[in-house]
């Protein structure tokens, strides 16, 4: 049965839609962190040079960055549920190709296809907006926003255990199984909606954005190998600048652009996206630093000597704490608005990284850092889609959240490149092996702290007007629904009217 916005599912359906869509987000995160335990062994496993093996990670990042805004726009045009299933299906195909590969080229093909799963997050957020009763949106956004962190936190110890006990290709078979499960659950429990954007797919815009993103992200991720001052790095950055400027000119002239840049330029959308870059930097830094600190041998004088599996378990609370903050976000945002909740989340992240400067002496201290940073990330992640949705029409939800997710991916790319460079440049040689130093770890945490501080400044420019309209109305309605069993009218988006608004359902 197809649900229109005027025929929203009841609470029972909402209780299945939210976990199914969150599970899809977790699957994407699992795919991203799948190879972390075996990254250092990839040159041997694939019989290739270390610089070539790094493409196994870079290729997924690039294809994910390209696919995210494109799949979001396709979802707005042709159905978000349909595109979600397509994204997950391509990911499953890629996982199976990688599972059957032991050489570089087919492995790269599989990893590129796996990157298409990145579209699941904006598509899932759009489906929630289209199908859920408004009273459930606050907590649902929190759960969906934290699903990537939860998946990453849970996948790390699980992947480490598999890598230690089984043949490494089992990782991809597991990812394919999870993706297939997500597809089946989506088909069974997630309704399609009739909320559609007008116009056709902007193929020139998609090609232009894809080319610009690849030229931007490629030197960021490979500058450590090529050199930040190399001709290749400078040439690609220059090409990215020219291509993206031309793309902006093209999009502003099209009647049905891939991305409505005029909407994106609204302060609520623009500054939320800029903050997302900073959040991406802060999220990935802890994922790069803590596992290495925990696994370095105690003979270094600062390493904590933990096994791969134990290190993964100590970092896992990062994701679990993000999930637990979802209901907290709904209440805080209802009372103070998503802008205030976003700023609070950023401040908590900053406290976590600040405390981390002195909490590197014992394994349990890593747990404290993970919990603090996870709690802040949970609040910050959950606030972003609410801020985006309050500023864009319903038919542009997928594309707008796709761009927001892309901004976060750019942040993680910058974090990976910069922190990787810092750790490499501050490393020391022990028994013929270069290992990161304690100074490198602390400088990395300082970089994350600075990124968070910039995020707080940017968040202060977010508009206050209507700051709590969505969240407060949603939380109040959820409370009324619990008391009376029916939903009270409330406003979802201050910009434009939602298609579900009936005459007499006043603001």
Protein backbone atom coordinates (compact mmCIF):
# COMPACT_ATOMS: atom_id res chain seq x y z
CA UNK A 1 0.00 0.00 0.00
CA UNK A 2 1.31 3.44 -0.94
CA UNK A 3 0.98 6.11 1.70
CA UNK A 4 0.53 9.71 0.72
CA UNK A 5 1.51 12.50 3.09
CA UNK A 6 -2.15 12.88 3.94
CA UNK A 7 -2.34 9.24 4.93
CA UNK A 8 0.45 8.95 7.42
CA UNK A 9 1.04 5.65 9.17
CA UNK A 10 -0.06 5.20 12.73
CA UNK A 11 2.19 4.78 15.72
CA UNK A 12 2.57 1.05 15.21
CA UNK A 13 3.99 1.62 11.72
CA UNK A 14 6.26 4.36 13.05
CA UNK A 15 7.70 1.94 15.56
CA UNK A 16 8.85 -0.27 12.70
CA UNK A 17 9.84 2.45 10.20
CA UNK A 18 12.34 4.12 12.54
CA UNK A 19 14.37 1.01 13.50
CA UNK A 20 14.36 -0.30 9.92
CA UNK A 21 15.68 2.97 8.50
CA UNK A 22 18.18 3.30 11.34
CA UNK A 23 19.34 -0.25 10.60
CA UNK A 24 19.94 0.78 6.99
CA UNK A 25 22.12 3.63 8.27
CA UNK A 26 24.02 1.21 10.50
CA UNK A 27 24.64 -1.06 7.51
CA UNK A 28 26.23 1.84 5.65
CA UNK A 29 28.51 2.58 8.61
CA UNK A 30 29.48 -1.08 8.88
CA UNK A 31 30.48 -1.04 5.23
CA UNK A 32 32.63 2.06 5.83
CA UNK A 33 34.59 0.62 8.77
CA UNK A 34 34.71 -2.93 7.43
CA UNK A 35 38.35 -2.89 6.39
CA UNK A 36 39.78 -0.89 9.31
CA UNK A 37 41.18 -4.00 11.07
CA UNK A 38 42.97 -5.20 7.92
CA UNK A 39 44.04 -1.90 6.32
CA UNK A 40 47.67 -2.42 7.20
CA UNK A 41 47.61 -5.91 5.67
CA UNK A 42 45.91 -4.95 2.36
CA UNK A 43 49.16 -4.68 0.32
CA UNK A 44 50.00 -8.28 1.22
CA UNK A 45 46.43 -9.56 0.88
CA UNK A 46 46.00 -8.00 -2.57
CA UNK A 47 49.61 -8.47 -3.69
CA UNK A 48 50.05 -4.80 -4.50
CA UNK A 49 52.00 -1.73 -3.42
CA UNK A 50 50.87 0.17 -0.29
CA UNK A 51 50.10 3.30 -2.34
CA UNK A 52 47.85 1.27 -4.65
CA UNK A 53 46.19 -0.58 -1.76
CA UNK A 54 45.11 2.74 -0.26
CA UNK A 55 42.73 3.13 -3.21
CA UNK A 56 40.57 0.41 -1.65
CA UNK A 57 39.57 2.98 0.97
CA UNK A 58 39.77 6.11 -1.20
CA UNK A 59 37.55 4.68 -3.95
CA UNK A 60 34.64 4.09 -1.57
CA UNK A 61 34.98 7.59 -0.15
CA UNK A 62 34.88 9.16 -3.59
CA UNK A 63 31.95 7.12 -4.91
CA UNK A 64 30.02 7.76 -1.70
CA UNK A 65 30.57 11.50 -1.97
CA UNK A 66 29.32 11.48 -5.56
CA UNK A 67 26.37 9.15 -4.91
CA UNK A 68 24.98 10.90 -1.83
CA UNK A 69 23.54 14.10 -3.39
CA UNK A 70 22.61 12.28 -6.61
CA UNK A 71 20.65 9.54 -4.83
CA UNK A 72 18.99 12.19 -2.64
CA UNK A 73 17.76 14.05 -5.74
CA UNK A 74 16.63 10.85 -7.44
CA UNK A 75 14.70 10.00 -4.30
CA UNK A 76 12.92 13.36 -4.40
CA UNK A 77 11.99 12.78 -8.05
CA UNK A 78 11.15 9.08 -8.21
CA UNK A 79 10.58 7.87 -4.65
CA UNK A 80 12.86 7.72 -1.64
CA UNK A 81 12.02 4.12 -0.72
CA UNK A 82 12.75 2.99 -4.27
CA UNK A 83 16.12 4.74 -4.31
CA UNK A 84 16.98 3.45 -0.82
CA UNK A 85 16.45 -0.12 -2.03
CA UNK A 86 18.52 0.63 -5.15
CA UNK A 87 21.38 2.08 -3.06
CA UNK A 88 21.46 -0.95 -0.78
CA UNK A 89 21.22 -3.35 -3.74
CA UNK A 90 24.24 -1.77 -5.42
CA UNK A 91 26.11 -2.02 -2.10
CA UNK A 92 25.27 -5.73 -1.78
CA UNK A 93 26.49 -6.36 -5.35
CA UNK A 94 29.72 -4.52 -4.55
CA UNK A 95 30.23 -6.50 -1.35
CA UNK A 96 29.83 -9.79 -3.20
CA UNK A 97 32.31 -8.71 -5.88
CA UNK A 98 34.84 -7.82 -3.17
CA UNK A 99 34.16 -11.09 -1.34
CA UNK A 100 35.19 -12.98 -4.48
CA UNK A 101 38.25 -10.78 -5.18
CA UNK A 102 41.87 -11.28 -4.20
CA UNK A 103 43.42 -8.77 -6.63
CA UNK A 104 43.29 -4.99 -6.71
CA UNK A 105 41.15 -4.19 -9.78
CA UNK A 106 38.02 -6.23 -8.96
CA UNK A 107 38.34 -5.20 -5.33
CA UNK A 108 38.24 -1.54 -6.41
CA UNK A 109 35.14 -2.19 -8.53
CA UNK A 110 33.41 -3.74 -5.54
CA UNK A 111 34.44 -0.95 -3.20
CA UNK A 112 33.24 1.73 -5.63
CA UNK A 113 29.82 0.07 -5.78
CA UNK A 114 29.71 -0.15 -1.98
CA UNK A 115 30.06 3.63 -1.83
CA UNK A 116 26.57 4.02 -3.30
CA UNK A 117 25.15 2.95 0.05
CA UNK A 118 25.96 6.43 1.40
CA UNK A 119 22.68 7.64 -0.07
CA UNK A 120 20.77 5.63 2.56
CA UNK A 121 21.13 8.31 5.25
CA UNK A 122 19.51 11.29 3.44
CA UNK A 123 16.93 8.98 1.88
CA UNK A 124 16.05 7.55 5.28
CA UNK A 125 15.70 11.02 6.79
CA UNK A 126 13.43 12.06 3.92
CA UNK A 127 11.29 8.95 4.36
CA UNK A 128 10.87 9.73 8.03
CA UNK A 129 9.67 13.22 7.24
CA UNK A 130 7.21 11.93 4.65
CA UNK A 131 5.76 8.98 6.57
CA UNK A 132 5.98 9.49 10.32
CA UNK A 133 3.51 11.36 12.49
CA UNK A 134 5.04 14.69 13.37
CA UNK A 135 5.20 13.80 17.04
CA UNK A 136 7.74 11.08 16.39
CA UNK A 137 10.11 13.13 14.24
CA UNK A 138 12.22 14.53 17.09
CA UNK A 139 13.37 11.20 18.50
CA UNK A 140 13.40 9.59 15.03
CA UNK A 141 15.84 12.21 13.75
CA UNK A 142 18.06 11.52 16.75
CA UNK A 143 18.10 7.78 16.07
CA UNK A 144 18.72 8.19 12.33
CA UNK A 145 21.36 10.85 12.83
CA UNK A 146 23.28 8.64 15.25
CA UNK A 147 22.97 5.44 13.23
CA UNK A 148 26.24 6.04 11.37
CA UNK A 149 28.13 6.43 14.63
CA UNK A 150 26.43 3.39 16.13
CA UNK A 151 27.28 1.28 13.10
CA UNK A 152 30.89 2.43 13.11
CA UNK A 153 31.25 1.79 16.84
CA UNK A 154 29.74 -1.69 16.68
CA UNK A 155 31.46 -2.69 13.44
CA UNK A 156 34.98 -2.05 14.66
CA UNK A 157 35.15 -4.79 17.34
CA UNK A 158 33.01 -7.15 15.25
CA UNK A 159 35.21 -6.71 12.18
CA UNK A 160 38.33 -7.09 14.31
CA UNK A 161 37.01 -10.36 15.75
CA UNK A 162 36.18 -11.70 12.28
CA UNK A 163 39.57 -10.63 10.93
CA UNK A 164 41.37 -12.37 13.79
CA UNK A 165 39.39 -15.62 13.77
CA UNK A 166 38.29 -16.09 10.12
CA UNK A 167 39.38 -15.56 6.52
CA UNK A 168 39.19 -11.83 5.70
CA UNK A 169 36.73 -12.20 2.81
CA UNK A 170 34.10 -13.18 5.37
CA UNK A 171 33.88 -9.45 6.18
CA UNK A 172 32.33 -8.77 2.78
CA UNK A 173 29.97 -11.73 2.95
CA UNK A 174 28.78 -10.36 6.30
CA UNK A 175 28.25 -6.90 4.80
CA UNK A 176 26.27 -8.42 1.91
CA UNK A 177 24.10 -10.30 4.40
CA UNK A 178 23.39 -7.16 6.41
CA UNK A 179 22.56 -5.21 3.25
CA UNK A 180 20.19 -7.91 2.05
CA UNK A 181 18.47 -7.91 5.45
CA UNK A 182 18.05 -4.14 5.25
CA UNK A 183 16.47 -4.44 1.78
CA UNK A 184 13.99 -7.10 2.94
CA UNK A 185 13.03 -5.08 6.03
CA UNK A 186 12.57 -1.95 3.93
CA UNK A 187 10.30 -3.80 1.51
CA UNK A 188 8.23 -5.19 4.37
CA UNK A 189 7.92 -2.26 6.75
CA UNK A 190 8.76 1.06 5.03
CA UNK A 191 5.99 2.62 2.90
CA UNK A 192 6.70 4.65 -0.21
CA UNK A 193 5.28 8.16 -0.33
CA UNK A 194 3.90 10.30 -3.12
CA UNK A 195 5.86 13.41 -2.15
CA UNK A 196 7.69 14.22 -5.38
CA UNK A 197 9.75 17.11 -6.69
CA UNK A 198 8.78 18.58 -10.04
CA UNK A 199 11.06 18.45 -13.07
CA UNK A 200 13.51 15.90 -14.41
CA UNK A 201 16.91 14.65 -13.33
CA UNK A 202 19.68 17.17 -14.00
CA UNK A 203 22.29 14.96 -15.71
CA UNK A 204 24.72 17.81 -16.61
CA UNK A 205 24.52 19.01 -13.02
CA UNK A 206 25.22 15.50 -11.72
CA UNK A 207 28.23 15.11 -14.01
CA UNK A 208 29.58 18.53 -13.07
CA UNK A 209 29.18 17.97 -9.34
CA UNK A 210 30.70 14.50 -9.58
CA UNK A 211 33.75 15.77 -11.45
CA UNK A 212 34.22 18.67 -9.04
CA UNK A 213 33.93 16.45 -5.96
CA UNK A 214 36.38 13.87 -7.28
CA UNK A 215 38.94 16.59 -8.09
CA UNK A 216 38.42 18.11 -4.64
CA UNK A 217 38.48 14.97 -2.50
CA UNK A 218 41.14 13.04 -4.41
CA UNK A 219 44.05 15.34 -3.53
CA UNK A 220 42.76 15.66 0.06
CA UNK A 221 42.89 11.90 0.53
CA UNK A 222 46.07 11.26 -1.50
CA UNK A 223 48.17 14.31 -0.65
CA UNK A 224 49.99 12.26 1.98
CA UNK A 225 51.34 10.06 -0.83
CA UNK A 226 51.70 12.71 -3.52
CA UNK A 227 52.81 15.64 -1.37
CA UNK A 228 50.73 18.73 -0.58
CA UNK A 229 52.90 20.88 -2.85
CA UNK A 230 53.03 18.44 -5.77
CA UNK A 231 51.82 19.38 -9.24
CA UNK A 232 49.10 16.71 -9.09
CA UNK A 233 47.69 18.07 -5.84
CA UNK A 234 47.68 21.69 -6.99
CA UNK A 235 46.36 20.79 -10.42
CA UNK A 236 43.41 18.84 -9.03
CA UNK A 237 42.53 21.55 -6.52
CA UNK A 238 42.59 24.14 -9.32
CA UNK A 239 40.47 21.89 -11.51
CA UNK A 240 38.00 21.41 -8.66
CA UNK A 241 37.68 25.16 -8.14
CA UNK A 242 37.03 25.86 -11.84
CA UNK A 243 34.63 22.94 -12.24
CA UNK A 244 32.57 23.75 -9.13
CA UNK A 245 32.32 27.44 -10.07
CA UNK A 246 31.04 26.48 -13.52
CA UNK A 247 28.67 23.99 -11.90
CA UNK A 248 27.22 26.73 -9.67
CA UNK A 249 26.64 28.95 -12.72
CA UNK A 250 24.94 26.07 -14.53
CA UNK A 251 22.72 25.15 -11.57
CA UNK A 252 21.55 28.74 -11.08
CA UNK A 253 20.37 28.85 -14.69
CA UNK A 254 18.46 25.55 -14.71
CA UNK A 255 14.75 25.39 -13.95
CA UNK A 256 15.08 21.97 -12.26
CA UNK A 257 18.64 21.84 -10.86
CA UNK A 258 20.25 18.91 -9.09
CA UNK A 259 20.65 21.16 -6.05
CA UNK A 260 18.58 24.28 -5.47
CA UNK A 261 21.46 26.59 -4.58
CA UNK A 262 19.13 29.43 -3.63
CA UNK A 263 17.62 27.22 -0.95
CA UNK A 264 21.07 25.99 0.05
CA UNK A 265 22.19 29.60 0.49
CA UNK A 266 19.59 30.24 3.20
CA UNK A 267 21.40 30.84 6.46
CA UNK A 268 19.76 27.88 8.22
CA UNK A 269 20.95 25.49 5.49
CA UNK A 270 24.29 27.14 4.72
CA UNK A 271 25.58 27.35 8.28
CA UNK A 272 24.27 23.89 9.17
CA UNK A 273 26.27 22.49 6.24
CA UNK A 274 29.39 24.40 7.28
CA UNK A 275 29.04 23.09 10.83
CA UNK A 276 28.67 19.58 9.37
CA UNK A 277 32.17 19.81 7.92
CA UNK A 278 33.56 20.57 11.38
CA UNK A 279 31.56 17.72 12.91
CA UNK A 280 32.96 15.35 10.27
CA UNK A 281 36.48 16.40 11.25
CA UNK A 282 35.80 15.80 14.95
CA UNK A 283 34.06 12.45 14.40
CA UNK A 284 36.82 10.87 12.33
CA UNK A 285 39.69 12.10 14.47
CA UNK A 286 38.74 9.95 17.44
CA UNK A 287 38.27 6.96 15.14
CA UNK A 288 41.83 7.40 13.87
CA UNK A 289 43.57 8.12 17.18
CA UNK A 290 42.06 5.93 19.90
CA UNK A 291 42.44 2.51 18.19
CA UNK A 292 46.11 3.21 17.46
CA UNK A 293 46.83 4.49 20.98
CA UNK A 294 45.14 1.45 22.50
CA UNK A 295 46.96 -1.08 20.30
CA UNK A 296 50.49 0.32 20.45
CA UNK A 297 52.75 -1.82 22.67
CA UNK A 298 53.53 -0.63 26.17
CA UNK A 299 57.23 -0.74 25.26
CA UNK A 300 56.74 2.60 23.48
CA UNK A 301 56.21 4.22 26.88
CA UNK A 302 52.72 5.48 26.02
CA UNK A 303 51.00 2.68 24.10
CA UNK A 304 48.30 0.82 26.04
CA UNK A 305 49.03 -2.67 24.71
CA UNK A 306 45.46 -3.79 23.97
CA UNK A 307 44.43 -6.39 21.40
CA UNK A 308 42.59 -5.41 18.23
CA UNK A 309 39.29 -6.73 19.58
CA UNK A 310 39.67 -5.10 23.01
CA UNK A 311 40.56 -1.77 21.39
CA UNK A 312 37.44 -2.01 19.26
CA UNK A 313 35.28 -2.72 22.32
CA UNK A 314 36.73 0.28 24.16
CA UNK A 315 35.90 2.55 21.21
CA UNK A 316 32.43 1.02 20.65
CA UNK A 317 30.74 3.20 23.35
CA UNK A 318 31.33 6.14 20.97
CA UNK A 319 28.49 4.82 18.81
CA UNK A 320 26.35 3.43 21.62
CA UNK A 321 26.37 6.77 23.43
CA UNK A 322 25.25 8.48 20.23
CA UNK A 323 22.23 6.18 20.15
CA UNK A 324 21.38 6.80 23.81
CA UNK A 325 21.38 10.57 23.29
CA UNK A 326 18.53 10.36 20.72
CA UNK A 327 15.69 10.68 23.27
CA UNK A 328 17.71 13.32 25.15
CA UNK A 329 17.98 15.30 21.93
CA UNK A 330 14.21 15.19 21.37
CA UNK A 331 13.54 16.72 24.79
CA UNK A 332 16.29 19.33 24.67
CA UNK A 333 15.34 20.40 21.17
CA UNK A 334 11.67 20.61 22.13
CA UNK A 335 12.53 23.00 24.95
CA UNK A 336 15.42 25.01 23.53
CA UNK A 337 15.37 24.38 19.77
CA UNK A 338 17.76 22.42 17.49
CA UNK A 339 20.16 25.38 17.23
CA UNK A 340 20.83 25.37 20.97
CA UNK A 341 21.04 21.59 21.01
CA UNK A 342 23.59 21.66 18.18
CA UNK A 343 25.75 24.15 20.07
CA UNK A 344 25.49 22.08 23.27
CA UNK A 345 26.56 18.98 21.36
CA UNK A 346 29.59 20.79 19.94
CA UNK A 347 30.59 22.00 23.40
CA UNK A 348 30.38 18.46 24.81
CA UNK A 349 32.57 17.20 21.94
CA UNK A 350 35.07 19.94 22.77
CA UNK A 351 35.09 18.93 26.43
CA UNK A 352 35.75 15.34 25.42
CA UNK A 353 38.72 16.23 23.24
CA UNK A 354 40.02 18.71 25.79
CA UNK A 355 39.88 16.09 28.53
CA UNK A 356 41.53 13.66 26.14
CA UNK A 357 44.73 15.68 26.24
CA UNK A 358 45.31 14.34 29.76
CA UNK A 359 43.49 11.01 29.47
CA UNK A 360 45.94 8.89 27.49
CA UNK A 361 47.53 6.88 30.29
CA UNK A 362 45.12 3.95 30.76
CA UNK A 363 42.62 1.97 28.69
CA UNK A 364 39.64 3.05 30.82
CA UNK A 365 40.45 6.68 30.05
CA UNK A 366 39.86 6.00 26.35
CA UNK A 367 36.40 4.82 27.34
CA UNK A 368 35.73 8.18 29.04
CA UNK A 369 36.82 10.08 25.93
CA UNK A 370 34.64 7.89 23.69
CA UNK A 371 31.56 8.42 25.88
CA UNK A 372 31.98 12.20 26.08
CA UNK A 373 32.65 12.67 22.37
CA UNK A 374 29.88 10.20 21.49
CA UNK A 375 27.33 12.09 23.62
CA UNK A 376 28.21 15.37 21.92
CA UNK A 377 28.17 13.84 18.44
CA UNK A 378 24.77 12.29 19.14
CA UNK A 379 23.27 15.69 19.93
CA UNK A 380 25.02 17.43 17.02
CA UNK A 381 24.16 14.76 14.45
CA UNK A 382 20.51 14.69 15.47
CA UNK A 383 20.11 18.48 15.27
CA UNK A 384 21.33 18.81 11.69
CA UNK A 385 18.47 17.15 9.75
CA UNK A 386 15.93 19.03 11.87
CA UNK A 387 17.59 22.34 10.99
CA UNK A 388 17.75 21.39 7.31
CA UNK A 389 14.14 20.22 7.15
CA UNK A 390 12.88 23.37 8.83
CA UNK A 391 14.28 25.42 5.94
CA UNK A 392 13.50 23.42 2.79
CA UNK A 393 10.25 22.33 1.10
CA UNK A 394 9.29 18.66 1.64
CA UNK A 395 9.94 17.77 -2.00
CA UNK A 396 13.60 18.84 -1.62
CA UNK A 397 14.31 16.95 1.61
CA UNK A 398 16.32 14.16 -0.01
CA UNK A 399 18.62 16.43 -2.00
CA UNK A 400 19.10 18.88 0.90
CA UNK A 401 19.99 16.14 3.37
CA UNK A 402 22.20 14.57 0.71
CA UNK A 403 24.26 17.75 0.52
CA UNK A 404 24.40 17.88 4.32
CA UNK A 405 25.70 14.32 4.45
CA UNK A 406 28.20 15.21 1.73
CA UNK A 407 29.52 18.10 3.83
CA UNK A 408 30.10 15.70 6.69
CA UNK A 409 31.96 13.36 4.32
CA UNK A 410 34.18 16.23 3.24
CA UNK A 411 34.96 16.80 6.91
CA UNK A 412 35.94 13.18 7.44
CA UNK A 413 38.14 13.34 4.33
CA UNK A 414 39.93 16.42 5.61
CA UNK A 415 40.32 14.79 9.02
CA UNK A 416 41.74 11.61 7.51
CA UNK A 417 44.28 13.54 5.43
CA UNK A 418 45.35 16.08 8.05
CA UNK A 419 45.50 13.71 11.03
CA UNK A 420 47.24 11.10 8.89
CA UNK A 421 49.83 13.70 7.91
CA UNK A 422 50.31 14.80 11.53
CA UNK A 423 50.77 11.24 12.79
CA UNK A 424 53.21 10.46 9.96
CA UNK A 425 55.28 13.62 10.44
CA UNK A 426 55.55 13.13 14.21
CA UNK A 427 56.22 9.38 14.11
CA UNK A 428 59.28 7.67 15.55
CA UNK A 429 61.04 4.50 14.46
CA UNK A 430 60.99 1.58 16.91
CA UNK A 431 62.58 -1.71 15.86
CA UNK A 432 62.59 -0.53 12.27
CA UNK A 433 58.88 0.35 12.26
CA UNK A 434 57.50 3.90 12.18
CA UNK A 435 54.86 4.37 14.89
CA UNK A 436 52.84 7.45 15.92
CA UNK A 437 54.01 9.38 18.94
CA UNK A 438 52.08 10.69 21.94
CA UNK A 439 52.73 14.21 20.67
CA UNK A 440 51.10 13.30 17.37
CA UNK A 441 48.01 12.00 19.16
CA UNK A 442 47.72 15.18 21.22
CA UNK A 443 48.15 17.44 18.20
CA UNK A 444 45.40 15.45 16.45
CA UNK A 445 43.05 15.98 19.39
CA UNK A 446 43.94 19.68 19.34
CA UNK A 447 42.99 19.87 15.66
CA UNK A 448 39.63 18.31 16.47
CA UNK A 449 39.11 20.78 19.31
CA UNK A 450 39.84 23.72 16.99
CA UNK A 451 37.38 22.30 14.44
CA UNK A 452 34.71 22.09 17.13
CA UNK A 453 35.40 25.69 18.21
CA UNK A 454 34.97 26.84 14.60
CA UNK A 455 31.73 24.83 14.51
CA UNK A 456 30.40 26.65 17.57
CA UNK A 457 31.16 30.04 16.00
CA UNK A 458 29.41 29.01 12.77
CA UNK A 459 26.41 27.66 14.69
CA UNK A 460 25.95 31.04 16.37
CA UNK A 461 25.03 32.43 12.93
CA UNK A 462 22.10 30.05 12.60
CA UNK A 463 18.80 31.96 12.76
CA UNK A 464 16.88 31.98 16.00
CA UNK A 465 13.53 32.58 14.35
CA UNK A 466 11.32 29.53 14.64
CA UNK A 467 14.17 27.72 16.32
CA UNK A 468 11.97 25.39 18.30
CA UNK A 469 8.88 25.32 16.12
CA UNK A 470 9.52 21.90 14.65
CA UNK A 471 10.98 20.22 17.66
CA UNK A 472 8.66 21.70 20.27
CA UNK A 473 5.56 21.01 18.23
CA UNK A 474 6.75 17.48 17.55
CA UNK A 475 7.58 16.72 21.15
CA UNK A 476 4.33 18.24 22.41
CA UNK A 477 2.38 16.21 19.88
CA UNK A 478 4.19 13.04 20.90
CA UNK A 479 3.19 13.75 24.50
CA UNK A 480 -0.41 14.44 23.48
CA UNK A 481 -0.39 11.28 21.43
CA UNK A 482 0.73 9.27 24.44
CA UNK A 483 -2.08 10.80 26.53
CA UNK A 484 -4.96 10.86 24.08
CA UNK A 485 -4.00 8.41 21.33
CA UNK A 486 -4.24 10.98 18.54
CA UNK A 487 -2.08 13.61 16.99
CA UNK A 488 -2.57 17.32 17.44
CA UNK A 489 -1.91 19.65 14.51
CA UNK A 490 1.53 21.18 14.42
CA UNK A 491 3.90 22.88 12.01
CA UNK A 492 6.66 20.86 10.42
CA UNK A 493 8.48 23.37 8.28
CA UNK A 494 8.38 27.16 8.49
CA UNK A 495 9.38 27.48 4.81
CA UNK A 496 6.47 26.51 2.59
CA UNK A 497 3.49 24.39 3.44
CA UNK A 498 3.75 20.67 3.82
CA UNK A 499 1.65 18.74 1.29
CA UNK A 500 -0.13 17.01 4.15
CA UNK A 501 -1.62 20.21 5.46
CA UNK A 502 -5.37 20.14 5.09
CA UNK A 503 -7.62 23.17 5.05
CA UNK A 504 -8.35 24.08 8.61
CA UNK A 505 -5.10 22.59 9.91
CA UNK A 506 -3.81 25.97 10.83
CA UNK A 507 -0.44 27.11 11.98
